Amino acid sequence: MTARRSRGDGGLHWDEQRQRWIASVTVGYTPAGKRIVKKVSGKTKTEAKAKLKEIIRDHDDGLASGPAHYTVAEAVTSWLTYGLHGRDPNTVANYRTLCEKHVIPDLGARKLRELSAEDVDRWLIGKAKVLSTRTVRLLHSCLNRAVKFAQARDKVKRNVVGLSEIPEGKEGRPSKSLTLDQAVAVVQAAEGARMYAYVVLSLLIGARTEELRALVWEEVHLVGAPDKDIPPWIAVWRSVRAGGDTKTRRSRRSLALPKRCVEALEAHRAQQQRDKAEAGKKWKDHDLVFASLVGTPLDAHNVRRAFRKIAKDAGLRAYYWTPREMRHSFVSLLSDSGVPLEEIARLVGHSGTAVTEAVYRKQIRPVLLGGAGVMDEIFTR
């Protein structure tokens, strides 16, 4: 006669209908006093006993074993649905695209509790052969955070993704900068276009595209303060990023405007007033310097499409250039003209003064004013 199993060791029986061994054990009670029973099954008695021992061990250690059939796809979908609250919509859309294109098709069918670090390693190495390092890192981050999200909700005992190394992917698209001749050609090609002032500011003050798209007229000072010897300037204090702040607090800065920028902005403001009058009641006033024909914000696609048309008119391969490379060109042109890198870094908001709360003479000279002076010389040659 088979010895009776002790209380807490669980039970084991053969299920004739399923043709499997079923093991079960009580792991606790509900507030109403109802038993909470965990069940597992196996083709053999040994397999079922092993699974039962795992449940008992996890219970004794205070670990949740997680549902046996919960998949990676379910974990990722749950994270995308509930774990990104408050994130920028563009960020959420990017994560969703990455997960739906790469994570779920490749790993989604795997049971989460059976996913191993080796599985993740193989997957990442395969992706590294065809994707850039940045994209591979993003894929790892998405999967890692999805499994962490599941772990916090007792769907899995541990996160094996965090144990995996991130391999180097394919070399990404290198950043480029325009030569002086190309930059002059772009400025000339932009004359008369609605994006002329945008192009001029990008090339001559090095502002980020997300900073210019968020620029408002309140922060544009085309006269300056002549009595205090302060030239025309703009306050680069916001961007279209989540929360409206610049990329970093160090990126907040006030920049003197080259003469060409002042002239371009004056013409741009006059054109915008005509657009506003023509739009009438359709105009949505956001005080934006760069807006659509009805005053609404421009998105990255609007800017990219307009810039590539200008690049094509300038004799460049349009698909080869993006708006952000005007900022790289600004840095290169100043460097070629002998401006120290430390000064250029302050102008583009990489380092130096953390936050420029207001424009002071000592802050504009000699560094912040220097970029405008050099650009006036460069583009009047």
Protein backbone atom coordinates (compact mmCIF):
# COMPACT_ATOMS: atom_id res chain seq x y z
CA MET A 1 0.00 0.00 0.00
CA THR A 2 1.35 3.42 -1.01
CA ALA A 3 2.19 5.62 1.98
CA ARG A 4 -0.08 8.63 2.41
CA ARG A 5 1.66 11.97 1.55
CA SER A 6 2.12 14.33 4.49
CA ARG A 7 0.05 17.50 4.77
CA GLY A 8 1.79 20.26 2.77
CA ASP A 9 3.44 17.77 0.42
CA GLY A 10 0.56 17.97 -2.02
CA GLY A 11 -1.34 15.28 -3.82
CA LEU A 12 -0.62 13.22 -6.92
CA HIS A 13 -3.06 11.26 -9.07
CA TRP A 14 -3.51 9.88 -12.58
CA ASP A 15 -6.05 11.63 -14.83
CA GLU A 16 -7.46 8.96 -17.12
CA GLN A 17 -9.18 11.43 -19.41
CA ARG A 18 -6.13 13.65 -19.94
CA GLN A 19 -3.69 10.74 -19.73
CA ARG A 20 -1.43 12.77 -17.47
CA TRP A 21 -0.29 12.79 -13.86
CA ILE A 22 -1.81 15.68 -11.91
CA ALA A 23 -0.08 17.12 -8.85
CA SER A 24 -1.65 19.70 -6.57
CA VAL A 25 -0.82 21.48 -3.35
CA THR A 26 -2.51 24.07 -1.12
CA VAL A 27 -0.45 27.27 -1.00
CA GLY A 28 -2.74 29.42 1.11
CA TYR A 29 -6.27 30.62 1.77
CA THR A 30 -8.41 33.47 0.52
CA PRO A 31 -9.80 36.05 2.98
CA ALA A 32 -13.04 34.05 2.85
CA GLY A 33 -11.20 30.92 4.00
CA LYS A 34 -11.22 29.15 0.65
CA ARG A 35 -8.13 27.10 -0.17
CA ILE A 36 -5.77 28.34 -2.90
CA VAL A 37 -4.60 25.29 -4.83
CA LYS A 38 -1.80 25.17 -7.38
CA LYS A 39 -1.91 22.37 -9.95
CA VAL A 40 0.66 21.05 -12.40
CA SER A 41 0.74 18.09 -14.73
CA GLY A 42 3.25 15.80 -16.39
CA LYS A 43 3.37 12.92 -18.79
CA THR A 44 5.22 10.87 -16.17
CA LYS A 45 4.92 10.65 -12.41
CA THR A 46 8.53 11.86 -12.08
CA GLU A 47 7.85 14.97 -14.19
CA ALA A 48 4.74 15.84 -12.17
CA LYS A 49 6.58 15.33 -8.86
CA ALA A 50 9.41 17.60 -10.01
CA LYS A 51 6.98 20.37 -10.89
CA LEU A 52 5.19 19.91 -7.58
CA LYS A 53 8.45 20.20 -5.67
CA GLU A 54 9.21 23.44 -7.52
CA ILE A 55 5.88 24.93 -6.49
CA ILE A 56 6.38 23.90 -2.86
CA ARG A 57 9.96 25.25 -2.82
CA ASP A 58 8.87 28.57 -4.30
CA HIS A 59 6.03 28.82 -1.83
CA ASP A 60 8.35 28.12 1.10
CA ASP A 61 10.78 30.78 -0.22
CA GLY A 62 8.00 33.32 -0.61
CA LEU A 63 8.28 33.35 -4.41
CA ALA A 64 5.35 33.44 -6.78
CA SER A 65 5.78 30.76 -9.41
CA GLY A 66 3.62 32.54 -11.96
CA PRO A 67 1.04 31.04 -14.33
CA ALA A 68 2.47 28.17 -16.35
CA HIS A 69 1.05 29.28 -19.70
CA TYR A 70 1.73 33.03 -19.48
CA THR A 71 3.69 33.96 -22.62
CA VAL A 72 6.26 36.58 -23.54
CA ALA A 73 3.71 38.11 -25.91
CA GLU A 74 1.24 38.54 -23.06
CA ALA A 75 3.91 40.15 -20.90
CA VAL A 76 4.96 42.57 -23.63
CA THR A 77 1.36 43.45 -24.52
CA SER A 78 0.53 44.09 -20.87
CA TRP A 79 3.54 46.40 -20.48
CA LEU A 80 2.66 48.32 -23.64
CA THR A 81 -0.93 48.71 -22.44
CA TYR A 82 -0.44 49.53 -18.76
CA GLY A 83 3.25 50.21 -18.16
CA LEU A 84 3.83 53.36 -20.21
CA HIS A 85 1.41 55.76 -18.58
CA GLY A 86 2.56 59.37 -18.89
CA ARG A 87 5.07 58.67 -21.63
CA ASP A 88 5.23 60.81 -24.74
CA PRO A 89 2.88 59.38 -27.42
CA ASN A 90 5.72 59.23 -29.94
CA THR A 91 7.83 57.19 -27.49
CA VAL A 92 4.94 54.78 -26.90
CA ALA A 93 4.39 54.43 -30.64
CA ASN A 94 8.09 53.71 -31.16
CA TYR A 95 8.15 51.04 -28.42
CA ARG A 96 5.00 49.44 -29.81
CA THR A 97 6.45 49.28 -33.32
CA LEU A 98 9.68 47.70 -32.07
CA CYS A 99 7.82 45.12 -29.99
CA GLU A 100 5.30 44.23 -32.67
CA LYS A 101 7.97 43.96 -35.36
CA HIS A 102 10.80 42.25 -33.48
CA VAL A 103 9.95 41.01 -29.97
CA ILE A 104 6.53 39.39 -30.31
CA PRO A 105 7.14 37.61 -33.65
CA ASP A 106 10.44 36.13 -32.43
CA LEU A 107 9.84 35.40 -28.74
CA GLY A 108 6.14 35.95 -28.17
CA ALA A 109 5.10 32.29 -28.24
CA ARG A 110 7.59 31.31 -25.52
CA LYS A 111 6.21 30.70 -22.04
CA LEU A 112 7.63 33.46 -19.90
CA ARG A 113 8.68 31.16 -17.06
CA GLU A 114 10.63 29.03 -19.58
CA LEU A 115 12.44 31.95 -21.24
CA SER A 116 16.17 31.65 -20.58
CA ALA A 117 19.08 34.07 -20.75
CA GLU A 118 20.46 31.91 -23.55
CA ASP A 119 17.25 32.43 -25.55
CA VAL A 120 17.61 36.18 -25.16
CA ASP A 121 21.32 36.07 -26.05
CA ARG A 122 20.64 34.19 -29.29
CA TRP A 123 17.82 36.56 -30.19
CA LEU A 124 19.90 39.70 -29.58
CA ILE A 125 22.89 38.35 -31.54
CA GLY A 126 20.60 37.61 -34.47
CA LYS A 127 19.18 41.14 -34.35
CA ALA A 128 22.65 42.67 -34.10
CA LYS A 129 23.50 41.26 -37.52
CA VAL A 130 20.83 43.35 -39.24
CA LEU A 131 20.06 46.27 -36.90
CA SER A 132 22.06 49.17 -35.49
CA THR A 133 23.48 49.05 -31.96
CA ARG A 134 20.99 51.70 -30.84
CA THR A 135 18.03 49.64 -32.08
CA VAL A 136 19.39 46.48 -30.44
CA ARG A 137 19.70 48.38 -27.15
CA LEU A 138 16.11 49.59 -27.48
CA LEU A 139 14.88 46.05 -28.14
CA HIS A 140 16.71 44.78 -25.06
CA SER A 141 15.27 47.64 -23.02
CA CYS A 142 11.71 46.93 -24.16
CA LEU A 143 11.91 43.22 -23.36
CA ASN A 144 13.72 43.85 -20.08
CA ARG A 145 11.11 46.34 -18.89
CA ALA A 146 8.23 44.14 -20.02
CA VAL A 147 9.56 41.18 -18.02
CA LYS A 148 10.21 43.43 -15.00
CA PHE A 149 6.62 44.61 -15.27
CA ALA A 150 5.44 40.98 -15.30
CA GLN A 151 7.78 40.07 -12.42
CA ALA A 152 6.30 42.82 -10.25
CA ARG A 153 2.88 41.28 -10.88
CA ASP A 154 3.92 37.75 -9.92
CA LYS A 155 3.84 36.40 -13.47
CA VAL A 156 7.43 35.15 -13.32
CA LYS A 157 10.00 34.57 -10.57
CA ARG A 158 12.97 36.36 -12.06
CA ASN A 159 13.98 38.50 -15.00
CA VAL A 160 16.50 36.63 -17.15
CA VAL A 161 16.70 39.47 -19.68
CA GLY A 162 18.77 41.51 -17.27
CA LEU A 163 21.40 38.75 -17.31
CA SER A 164 22.00 39.06 -21.05
CA GLU A 165 24.78 41.10 -22.66
CA ILE A 166 23.87 43.56 -25.39
CA PRO A 167 25.93 42.88 -28.54
CA GLU A 168 27.21 45.55 -30.91
CA GLY A 169 24.94 45.98 -33.90
CA LYS A 170 25.54 47.32 -37.36
CA GLU A 171 27.10 50.73 -37.62
CA GLY A 172 24.40 53.38 -37.66
CA ARG A 173 23.90 56.11 -40.19
CA PRO A 174 26.83 58.51 -39.68
CA SER A 175 26.12 62.16 -39.01
CA LYS A 176 27.27 64.58 -41.67
CA SER A 177 27.79 68.29 -42.01
CA LEU A 178 27.52 70.61 -44.96
CA THR A 179 30.60 72.27 -46.37
CA LEU A 180 30.58 76.07 -46.51
CA ASP A 181 29.71 75.99 -50.22
CA GLN A 182 26.87 73.54 -49.58
CA ALA A 183 25.59 75.59 -46.64
CA VAL A 184 25.56 78.75 -48.76
CA ALA A 185 23.74 76.86 -51.52
CA VAL A 186 21.11 75.64 -49.06
CA VAL A 187 20.53 79.15 -47.70
CA GLN A 188 20.20 80.52 -51.23
CA ALA A 189 17.84 77.72 -52.26
CA ALA A 190 15.67 78.42 -49.19
CA GLU A 191 15.18 82.11 -50.02
CA GLY A 192 11.54 82.71 -50.81
CA ALA A 193 10.45 79.43 -49.19
CA ARG A 194 8.29 79.38 -46.07
CA MET A 195 11.05 77.47 -44.26
CA TYR A 196 13.72 80.05 -45.06
CA ALA A 197 13.90 81.45 -41.51
CA TYR A 198 13.92 77.92 -40.10
CA VAL A 199 16.87 76.93 -42.29
CA VAL A 200 18.77 80.13 -41.48
CA LEU A 201 18.33 79.68 -37.72
CA SER A 202 19.32 76.01 -37.89
CA LEU A 203 22.51 76.78 -39.77
CA LEU A 204 23.50 80.03 -38.09
CA ILE A 205 22.71 79.41 -34.40
CA GLY A 206 22.76 75.59 -34.23
CA ALA A 207 19.41 75.11 -32.49
CA ARG A 208 17.94 71.60 -32.42
CA THR A 209 14.99 70.97 -34.71
CA GLU A 210 12.75 70.17 -31.72
CA GLU A 211 13.79 73.48 -30.13
CA LEU A 212 12.88 75.52 -33.22
CA ARG A 213 9.53 73.79 -33.62
CA ALA A 214 8.66 74.85 -30.06
CA LEU A 215 10.01 78.42 -30.36
CA VAL A 216 7.44 81.14 -29.60
CA TRP A 217 7.52 84.81 -30.54
CA GLU A 218 7.56 85.79 -26.87
CA GLU A 219 11.09 84.39 -26.69
CA VAL A 220 12.32 86.17 -29.82
CA HIS A 221 13.87 89.63 -29.28
CA LEU A 222 14.69 91.13 -32.66
CA VAL A 223 15.75 94.51 -31.25
CA GLY A 224 17.62 93.47 -28.12
CA ALA A 225 18.54 96.23 -25.70
CA PRO A 226 20.80 98.72 -27.51
CA ASP A 227 21.06 100.96 -24.44
CA LYS A 228 22.60 98.04 -22.54
CA ASP A 229 24.70 96.93 -25.51
CA ILE A 230 22.68 93.69 -25.82
CA PRO A 231 22.10 92.56 -29.44
CA PRO A 232 19.00 90.77 -30.79
CA TRP A 233 18.61 87.33 -29.21
CA ILE A 234 16.33 84.37 -28.69
CA ALA A 235 15.69 82.24 -25.63
CA VAL A 236 16.04 78.53 -26.36
CA TRP A 237 14.21 77.34 -23.28
CA ARG A 238 11.78 74.71 -24.53
CA SER A 239 11.32 71.93 -27.07
CA VAL A 240 8.62 69.61 -28.38
CA ARG A 241 9.85 66.85 -26.07
CA ALA A 242 7.58 65.40 -23.39
CA GLY A 243 7.03 68.06 -20.74
CA GLY A 244 8.10 70.85 -23.10
CA ASP A 245 11.61 71.16 -21.67
CA THR A 246 14.87 71.08 -23.61
CA LYS A 247 16.87 67.88 -24.02
CA THR A 248 18.82 68.65 -20.82
CA ARG A 249 18.80 71.56 -18.40
CA ARG A 250 22.18 72.56 -19.81
CA SER A 251 20.48 72.98 -23.17
CA ARG A 252 18.52 75.99 -21.93
CA ARG A 253 20.37 78.99 -23.26
CA SER A 254 20.01 82.47 -24.76
CA LEU A 255 21.66 83.09 -28.11
CA ALA A 256 22.56 86.27 -29.92
CA LEU A 257 21.19 86.40 -33.47
CA PRO A 258 23.33 87.01 -36.56
CA LYS A 259 22.02 89.80 -38.79
CA ARG A 260 20.82 87.34 -41.41
CA CYS A 261 18.68 85.61 -38.76
CA VAL A 262 17.14 88.92 -37.67
CA GLU A 263 16.27 89.80 -41.28
CA ALA A 264 14.85 86.33 -41.95
CA LEU A 265 12.70 86.40 -38.80
CA GLU A 266 11.35 89.87 -39.58
CA ALA A 267 10.30 88.70 -43.05
CA HIS A 268 8.91 85.47 -41.58
CA ARG A 269 6.78 87.34 -39.04
CA ALA A 270 5.35 89.55 -41.77
CA GLN A 271 4.47 86.49 -43.84
CA GLN A 272 2.87 84.83 -40.82
CA GLN A 273 0.68 87.88 -40.25
CA ARG A 274 -0.54 87.55 -43.83
CA ASP A 275 -1.20 83.83 -43.28
CA LYS A 276 -3.16 84.65 -40.13
CA ALA A 277 -5.30 87.23 -41.92
CA GLU A 278 -6.00 84.79 -44.76
CA ALA A 279 -6.86 81.92 -42.39
CA GLY A 280 -9.31 84.06 -40.41
CA LYS A 281 -11.28 82.01 -37.90
CA LYS A 282 -9.35 78.87 -38.84
CA TRP A 283 -6.19 80.30 -37.27
CA LYS A 284 -5.14 78.59 -34.03
CA ASP A 285 -2.90 80.97 -32.15
CA HIS A 286 -0.12 79.16 -30.28
CA ASP A 287 2.34 82.07 -30.65
CA LEU A 288 4.62 79.67 -32.54
CA VAL A 289 7.34 81.13 -34.71
CA PHE A 290 7.22 78.14 -37.06
CA ALA A 291 3.67 76.94 -37.62
CA SER A 292 1.35 75.61 -40.29
CA LEU A 293 -0.82 77.84 -42.49
CA VAL A 294 -3.43 77.84 -39.71
CA GLY A 295 -1.05 78.32 -36.77
CA THR A 296 -0.86 74.71 -35.58
CA PRO A 297 2.47 73.07 -34.62
CA LEU A 298 4.69 71.49 -37.25
CA ASP A 299 5.66 67.86 -36.82
CA ALA A 300 9.01 66.33 -37.72
CA HIS A 301 7.64 65.03 -41.04
CA ASN A 302 6.57 68.54 -42.12
CA VAL A 303 10.05 69.90 -41.46
CA ARG A 304 11.89 66.97 -43.02
CA ARG A 305 9.83 67.10 -46.22
CA ALA A 306 10.27 70.88 -46.60
CA PHE A 307 14.01 70.69 -45.92
CA ARG A 308 14.59 67.90 -48.42
CA LYS A 309 12.90 69.95 -51.14
CA ILE A 310 15.27 72.82 -50.33
CA ALA A 311 18.25 70.43 -50.32
CA LYS A 312 17.20 69.14 -53.73
CA ASP A 313 16.93 72.71 -55.06
CA ALA A 314 20.44 73.32 -53.69
CA GLY A 315 21.80 70.50 -55.83
CA LEU A 316 22.18 67.99 -52.97
CA ARG A 317 20.91 64.42 -52.76
CA ALA A 318 17.75 65.18 -50.83
CA TYR A 319 17.28 61.73 -49.23
CA TYR A 320 20.87 61.89 -47.93
CA TRP A 321 20.26 64.89 -45.65
CA THR A 322 18.07 65.57 -42.62
CA PRO A 323 17.26 68.82 -40.78
CA ARG A 324 19.34 67.85 -37.74
CA GLU A 325 22.48 67.91 -39.87
CA MET A 326 22.22 71.67 -40.16
CA ARG A 327 23.11 71.71 -36.47
CA HIS A 328 26.17 69.54 -37.16
CA SER A 329 27.06 71.93 -39.95
CA PHE A 330 26.88 74.88 -37.54
CA VAL A 331 29.43 73.18 -35.28
CA SER A 332 31.74 72.32 -38.18
CA LEU A 333 31.62 75.79 -39.72
CA LEU A 334 32.44 77.48 -36.41
CA SER A 335 35.25 75.00 -35.74
CA ASP A 336 36.71 75.58 -39.20
CA SER A 337 36.66 79.30 -38.48
CA GLY A 338 38.79 78.88 -35.38
CA VAL A 339 36.16 79.11 -32.63
CA PRO A 340 37.28 76.95 -29.64
CA LEU A 341 35.25 73.81 -29.06
CA GLU A 342 34.42 74.89 -25.50
CA GLU A 343 32.69 77.97 -26.84
CA ILE A 344 30.86 76.03 -29.54
CA ALA A 345 29.66 73.56 -26.89
CA ARG A 346 28.08 76.37 -24.92
CA LEU A 347 26.40 77.72 -28.03
CA VAL A 348 24.75 74.38 -28.84
CA GLY A 349 23.88 73.66 -25.20
CA HIS A 350 26.17 70.71 -24.60
CA SER A 351 27.97 72.08 -21.55
CA GLY A 352 28.85 75.30 -19.72
CA THR A 353 26.14 77.37 -18.06
CA ALA A 354 23.42 75.06 -16.74
CA VAL A 355 20.48 77.37 -17.22
CA THR A 356 20.40 80.85 -18.73
CA GLU A 357 17.61 82.56 -16.84
CA ALA A 358 18.10 85.91 -18.55
CA VAL A 359 20.46 87.59 -20.95
CA TYR A 360 23.31 89.43 -19.29
CA ARG A 361 26.07 91.28 -21.03
CA LYS A 362 28.74 89.16 -19.38
CA GLN A 363 26.99 85.97 -20.58
CA ILE A 364 26.60 87.07 -24.17
CA ARG A 365 30.16 88.32 -24.43
CA PRO A 366 32.53 86.96 -25.43
CA VAL A 367 31.11 83.45 -25.82
CA LEU A 368 27.41 83.51 -26.65
CA LEU A 369 27.86 86.56 -28.84
CA GLY A 370 30.84 84.98 -30.58
CA GLY A 371 28.79 82.55 -32.67
CA ALA A 372 26.63 85.31 -34.15
CA GLY A 373 29.69 87.41 -35.01
CA VAL A 374 31.47 84.55 -36.74
CA MET A 375 28.36 83.54 -38.66
CA ASP A 376 27.92 87.11 -39.90
CA GLU A 377 31.46 86.92 -41.26
CA ILE A 378 31.03 83.43 -42.76
CA PHE A 379 27.84 84.19 -44.66
CA THR A 380 28.91 87.60 -45.98
CA ARG A 381 32.09 86.35 -47.66
